[in-house]
Amino acid sequence: MIRPISDYMPSGFSKRAGISVNDLVRIYCALIRSILEFASLVSSSLPDYLSNHIESIQKRTLKIILGANFISYQDALTSSVLGTLLYCRDMPVLD
């Protein structure tokens, strides 16, 4: 069973800044992921290796946020209620 992000830290807070893991995910979504989603949408014709490079930014960010509690990328996506950028790019656009 996959645990929610708040279960990864016993106190629910980042050791360094006192910011909760959920808040760090929100900050990531507001400041970084929005740019990555835009990049993945406008670059839908990119070669796979460049698309994977964009995806690796999200993976590294989740590793930093979760620290030693990072198990796998898929587990981190599920517990943080995020999808892959590839999934966002392939979603149909509503008019």
N, C-alpha and C. Protein backbone atom coordinates (compact mmCIF):
# COMPACT_ATOMS: atom_id res chain seq x y z
N MET A 1 0.84 -1.18 0.00
CA MET A 1 0.00 0.00 0.00
C MET A 1 0.88 1.24 0.00
N ILE A 2 0.50 2.21 -0.76
CA ILE A 2 1.28 3.44 -0.87
C ILE A 2 0.81 4.43 0.18
N ARG A 3 1.80 4.97 0.89
CA ARG A 3 1.48 5.92 1.96
C ARG A 3 1.37 7.33 1.40
N PRO A 4 0.51 8.17 2.03
CA PRO A 4 0.45 9.57 1.59
C PRO A 4 1.73 10.29 1.97
N ILE A 5 2.00 11.39 1.30
CA ILE A 5 3.24 12.14 1.52
C ILE A 5 3.41 12.55 2.97
N SER A 6 2.34 12.91 3.64
CA SER A 6 2.46 13.37 5.03
C SER A 6 2.99 12.29 5.96
N ASP A 7 2.90 11.03 5.58
CA ASP A 7 3.41 9.93 6.40
C ASP A 7 4.92 9.76 6.30
N TYR A 8 5.54 10.37 5.30
CA TYR A 8 6.97 10.18 5.11
C TYR A 8 7.81 10.85 6.19
N MET A 9 7.35 11.97 6.70
CA MET A 9 8.09 12.67 7.74
C MET A 9 7.33 12.50 9.05
N PRO A 10 7.99 11.99 10.09
CA PRO A 10 7.28 11.77 11.34
C PRO A 10 6.60 13.02 11.86
N SER A 11 7.28 14.16 11.78
CA SER A 11 6.68 15.39 12.26
C SER A 11 5.87 16.10 11.18
N GLY A 12 6.01 15.65 9.94
CA GLY A 12 5.32 16.30 8.84
C GLY A 12 6.02 17.55 8.34
N PHE A 13 7.22 17.78 8.82
CA PHE A 13 7.93 19.00 8.44
C PHE A 13 9.31 18.70 7.89
N SER A 14 9.77 19.59 7.02
CA SER A 14 11.12 19.51 6.49
C SER A 14 12.09 19.80 7.63
N LYS A 15 13.15 19.04 7.71
CA LYS A 15 14.10 19.22 8.80
C LYS A 15 14.81 20.57 8.72
N ARG A 16 15.06 21.03 7.51
CA ARG A 16 15.85 22.25 7.36
C ARG A 16 15.04 23.52 7.54
N ALA A 17 13.89 23.62 6.92
CA ALA A 17 13.18 24.89 6.88
C ALA A 17 11.89 24.90 7.70
N GLY A 18 11.48 23.78 8.22
CA GLY A 18 10.23 23.74 8.96
C GLY A 18 9.01 23.84 8.06
N ILE A 19 9.16 23.51 6.77
CA ILE A 19 8.05 23.55 5.82
C ILE A 19 7.53 22.13 5.63
N SER A 20 6.23 21.97 5.67
CA SER A 20 5.66 20.63 5.53
C SER A 20 5.92 20.09 4.13
N VAL A 21 5.96 18.77 4.03
CA VAL A 21 6.19 18.11 2.75
C VAL A 21 5.08 18.47 1.77
N ASN A 22 3.84 18.52 2.23
CA ASN A 22 2.73 18.89 1.36
C ASN A 22 2.89 20.31 0.82
N ASP A 23 3.37 21.22 1.67
CA ASP A 23 3.61 22.59 1.21
C ASP A 23 4.74 22.64 0.20
N LEU A 24 5.77 21.83 0.39
CA LEU A 24 6.87 21.78 -0.58
C LEU A 24 6.37 21.30 -1.94
N VAL A 25 5.46 20.33 -1.94
CA VAL A 25 4.88 19.84 -3.19
C VAL A 25 4.06 20.95 -3.84
N ARG A 26 3.31 21.69 -3.04
CA ARG A 26 2.52 22.80 -3.58
C ARG A 26 3.42 23.89 -4.19
N ILE A 27 4.50 24.19 -3.49
CA ILE A 27 5.46 25.19 -4.00
C ILE A 27 6.05 24.71 -5.31
N TYR A 28 6.43 23.43 -5.36
CA TYR A 28 6.97 22.84 -6.59
C TYR A 28 5.96 22.98 -7.73
N CYS A 29 4.69 22.65 -7.46
CA CYS A 29 3.66 22.72 -8.51
C CYS A 29 3.47 24.15 -9.00
N ALA A 30 3.50 25.11 -8.09
CA ALA A 30 3.28 26.50 -8.47
C ALA A 30 4.45 27.10 -9.23
N LEU A 31 5.66 26.80 -8.79
CA LEU A 31 6.82 27.49 -9.35
C LEU A 31 7.56 26.71 -10.44
N ILE A 32 7.57 25.40 -10.36
CA ILE A 32 8.39 24.62 -11.29
C ILE A 32 7.52 23.79 -12.23
N ARG A 33 6.60 23.04 -11.67
CA ARG A 33 5.82 22.13 -12.51
C ARG A 33 5.01 22.87 -13.57
N SER A 34 4.50 24.04 -13.23
CA SER A 34 3.73 24.80 -14.22
C SER A 34 4.59 25.11 -15.44
N ILE A 35 5.86 25.41 -15.24
CA ILE A 35 6.77 25.67 -16.36
C ILE A 35 7.06 24.37 -17.11
N LEU A 36 7.27 23.28 -16.37
CA LEU A 36 7.54 21.99 -17.01
C LEU A 36 6.34 21.51 -17.83
N GLU A 37 5.13 21.74 -17.31
CA GLU A 37 3.93 21.34 -18.06
C GLU A 37 3.84 22.15 -19.35
N PHE A 38 4.12 23.44 -19.27
CA PHE A 38 4.11 24.27 -20.47
C PHE A 38 5.15 23.77 -21.46
N ALA A 39 6.34 23.48 -20.95
CA ALA A 39 7.41 23.00 -21.83
C ALA A 39 7.03 21.67 -22.48
N SER A 40 6.39 20.79 -21.72
CA SER A 40 6.04 19.49 -22.30
C SER A 40 4.90 19.62 -23.31
N LEU A 41 4.02 20.62 -23.13
CA LEU A 41 2.93 20.82 -24.08
C LEU A 41 3.43 21.42 -25.39
N VAL A 42 4.27 22.44 -25.29
CA VAL A 42 4.73 23.09 -26.52
C VAL A 42 5.78 22.27 -27.23
N SER A 43 6.36 21.32 -26.54
CA SER A 43 7.42 20.52 -27.14
C SER A 43 6.97 19.09 -27.39
N SER A 44 5.72 18.92 -27.77
CA SER A 44 5.20 17.57 -27.96
C SER A 44 5.92 16.83 -29.07
N SER A 45 6.61 17.56 -29.93
CA SER A 45 7.33 16.89 -31.00
C SER A 45 8.81 16.67 -30.66
N LEU A 46 9.16 16.85 -29.40
CA LEU A 46 10.55 16.64 -28.98
C LEU A 46 10.93 15.17 -29.07
N PRO A 47 12.19 14.88 -29.31
CA PRO A 47 12.64 13.49 -29.24
C PRO A 47 12.48 12.96 -27.81
N ASP A 48 12.39 11.65 -27.70
CA ASP A 48 12.17 11.02 -26.40
C ASP A 48 13.23 11.40 -25.37
N TYR A 49 14.49 11.51 -25.78
CA TYR A 49 15.54 11.78 -24.80
C TYR A 49 15.37 13.17 -24.18
N LEU A 50 14.86 14.14 -24.93
CA LEU A 50 14.62 15.47 -24.36
C LEU A 50 13.37 15.47 -23.48
N SER A 51 12.36 14.75 -23.90
CA SER A 51 11.16 14.62 -23.08
C SER A 51 11.49 13.93 -21.76
N ASN A 52 12.33 12.92 -21.80
CA ASN A 52 12.77 12.24 -20.58
C ASN A 52 13.58 13.16 -19.68
N HIS A 53 14.34 14.06 -20.29
CA HIS A 53 15.13 15.01 -19.50
C HIS A 53 14.21 15.95 -18.73
N ILE A 54 13.13 16.41 -19.37
CA ILE A 54 12.16 17.27 -18.69
C ILE A 54 11.51 16.49 -17.54
N GLU A 55 11.17 15.23 -17.78
CA GLU A 55 10.56 14.39 -16.73
C GLU A 55 11.53 14.17 -15.57
N SER A 56 12.83 14.08 -15.87
CA SER A 56 13.82 13.83 -14.82
C SER A 56 13.90 15.00 -13.83
N ILE A 57 13.54 16.19 -14.26
CA ILE A 57 13.53 17.34 -13.34
C ILE A 57 12.50 17.12 -12.24
N GLN A 58 11.31 16.63 -12.64
CA GLN A 58 10.29 16.34 -11.64
C GLN A 58 10.74 15.21 -10.71
N LYS A 59 11.36 14.19 -11.27
CA LYS A 59 11.82 13.07 -10.46
C LYS A 59 12.85 13.54 -9.42
N ARG A 60 13.81 14.36 -9.85
CA ARG A 60 14.82 14.87 -8.92
C ARG A 60 14.21 15.74 -7.83
N THR A 61 13.22 16.55 -8.22
CA THR A 61 12.55 17.40 -7.23
C THR A 61 11.85 16.57 -6.17
N LEU A 62 11.15 15.52 -6.58
CA LEU A 62 10.49 14.66 -5.61
C LEU A 62 11.50 13.93 -4.73
N LYS A 63 12.65 13.57 -5.28
CA LYS A 63 13.70 12.95 -4.47
C LYS A 63 14.19 13.91 -3.40
N ILE A 64 14.34 15.18 -3.76
CA ILE A 64 14.79 16.18 -2.80
C ILE A 64 13.75 16.40 -1.72
N ILE A 65 12.48 16.52 -2.12
CA ILE A 65 11.42 16.76 -1.15
C ILE A 65 11.27 15.59 -0.18
N LEU A 66 11.30 14.37 -0.69
CA LEU A 66 11.08 13.20 0.16
C LEU A 66 12.35 12.71 0.85
N GLY A 67 13.50 13.05 0.33
CA GLY A 67 14.77 12.66 0.94
C GLY A 67 14.93 11.16 1.02
N ALA A 68 15.32 10.68 2.19
CA ALA A 68 15.58 9.25 2.39
C ALA A 68 14.31 8.41 2.27
N ASN A 69 13.16 9.05 2.31
CA ASN A 69 11.89 8.33 2.20
C ASN A 69 11.46 8.09 0.76
N PHE A 70 12.25 8.55 -0.20
CA PHE A 70 11.95 8.32 -1.61
C PHE A 70 12.20 6.85 -1.92
N ILE A 71 11.15 6.15 -2.34
CA ILE A 71 11.25 4.72 -2.64
C ILE A 71 11.39 4.52 -4.15
N SER A 72 10.44 5.06 -4.89
CA SER A 72 10.48 4.97 -6.35
C SER A 72 9.75 6.19 -6.90
N TYR A 73 9.99 6.47 -8.15
CA TYR A 73 9.35 7.62 -8.79
C TYR A 73 7.83 7.42 -8.82
N GLN A 74 7.39 6.23 -9.18
CA GLN A 74 5.94 5.97 -9.24
C GLN A 74 5.29 6.11 -7.87
N ASP A 75 5.94 5.62 -6.84
CA ASP A 75 5.42 5.76 -5.47
C ASP A 75 5.34 7.23 -5.08
N ALA A 76 6.36 8.00 -5.43
CA ALA A 76 6.38 9.43 -5.10
C ALA A 76 5.26 10.16 -5.84
N LEU A 77 5.03 9.81 -7.10
CA LEU A 77 3.95 10.44 -7.86
C LEU A 77 2.60 10.13 -7.24
N THR A 78 2.40 8.89 -6.86
CA THR A 78 1.12 8.49 -6.28
C THR A 78 0.88 9.17 -4.94
N SER A 79 1.87 9.16 -4.07
CA SER A 79 1.68 9.73 -2.74
C SER A 79 1.57 11.25 -2.76
N SER A 80 2.13 11.89 -3.78
CA SER A 80 2.02 13.35 -3.88
C SER A 80 0.87 13.78 -4.78
N VAL A 81 0.11 12.81 -5.28
CA VAL A 81 -1.06 13.04 -6.14
C VAL A 81 -0.66 13.85 -7.38
N LEU A 82 0.46 13.47 -7.98
CA LEU A 82 0.92 14.08 -9.22
C LEU A 82 0.96 13.01 -10.30
N GLY A 83 0.86 13.43 -11.52
CA GLY A 83 1.03 12.52 -12.65
C GLY A 83 2.33 12.84 -13.36
N THR A 84 2.71 11.97 -14.26
CA THR A 84 3.91 12.25 -15.03
C THR A 84 3.61 13.40 -15.99
N LEU A 85 4.64 14.08 -16.42
CA LEU A 85 4.46 15.16 -17.38
C LEU A 85 4.03 14.61 -18.73
N LEU A 86 4.45 13.40 -19.04
CA LEU A 86 4.03 12.74 -20.27
C LEU A 86 2.51 12.54 -20.26
N TYR A 87 1.98 12.16 -19.10
CA TYR A 87 0.53 11.98 -18.97
C TYR A 87 -0.18 13.30 -19.20
N CYS A 88 0.34 14.39 -18.64
CA CYS A 88 -0.27 15.71 -18.83
C CYS A 88 -0.24 16.11 -20.30
N ARG A 89 0.85 15.80 -20.97
CA ARG A 89 0.99 16.18 -22.37
C ARG A 89 0.00 15.40 -23.24
N ASP A 90 -0.26 14.16 -22.88
CA ASP A 90 -1.14 13.31 -23.69
C ASP A 90 -2.61 13.49 -23.39
N MET A 91 -2.94 14.26 -22.35
CA MET A 91 -4.34 14.50 -22.01
C MET A 91 -4.98 15.37 -23.09
N PRO A 92 -6.22 15.09 -23.45
CA PRO A 92 -6.88 15.93 -24.46
C PRO A 92 -7.14 17.33 -23.92
N VAL A 93 -7.01 18.30 -24.77
CA VAL A 93 -7.27 19.70 -24.40
C VAL A 93 -8.74 20.00 -24.64
N LEU A 94 -9.38 20.58 -23.62
CA LEU A 94 -10.79 20.91 -23.74
C LEU A 94 -10.93 22.31 -24.33
N ASP A 95 -11.81 22.46 -25.28
CA ASP A 95 -12.04 23.78 -25.90
C ASP A 95 -13.16 24.50 -25.21
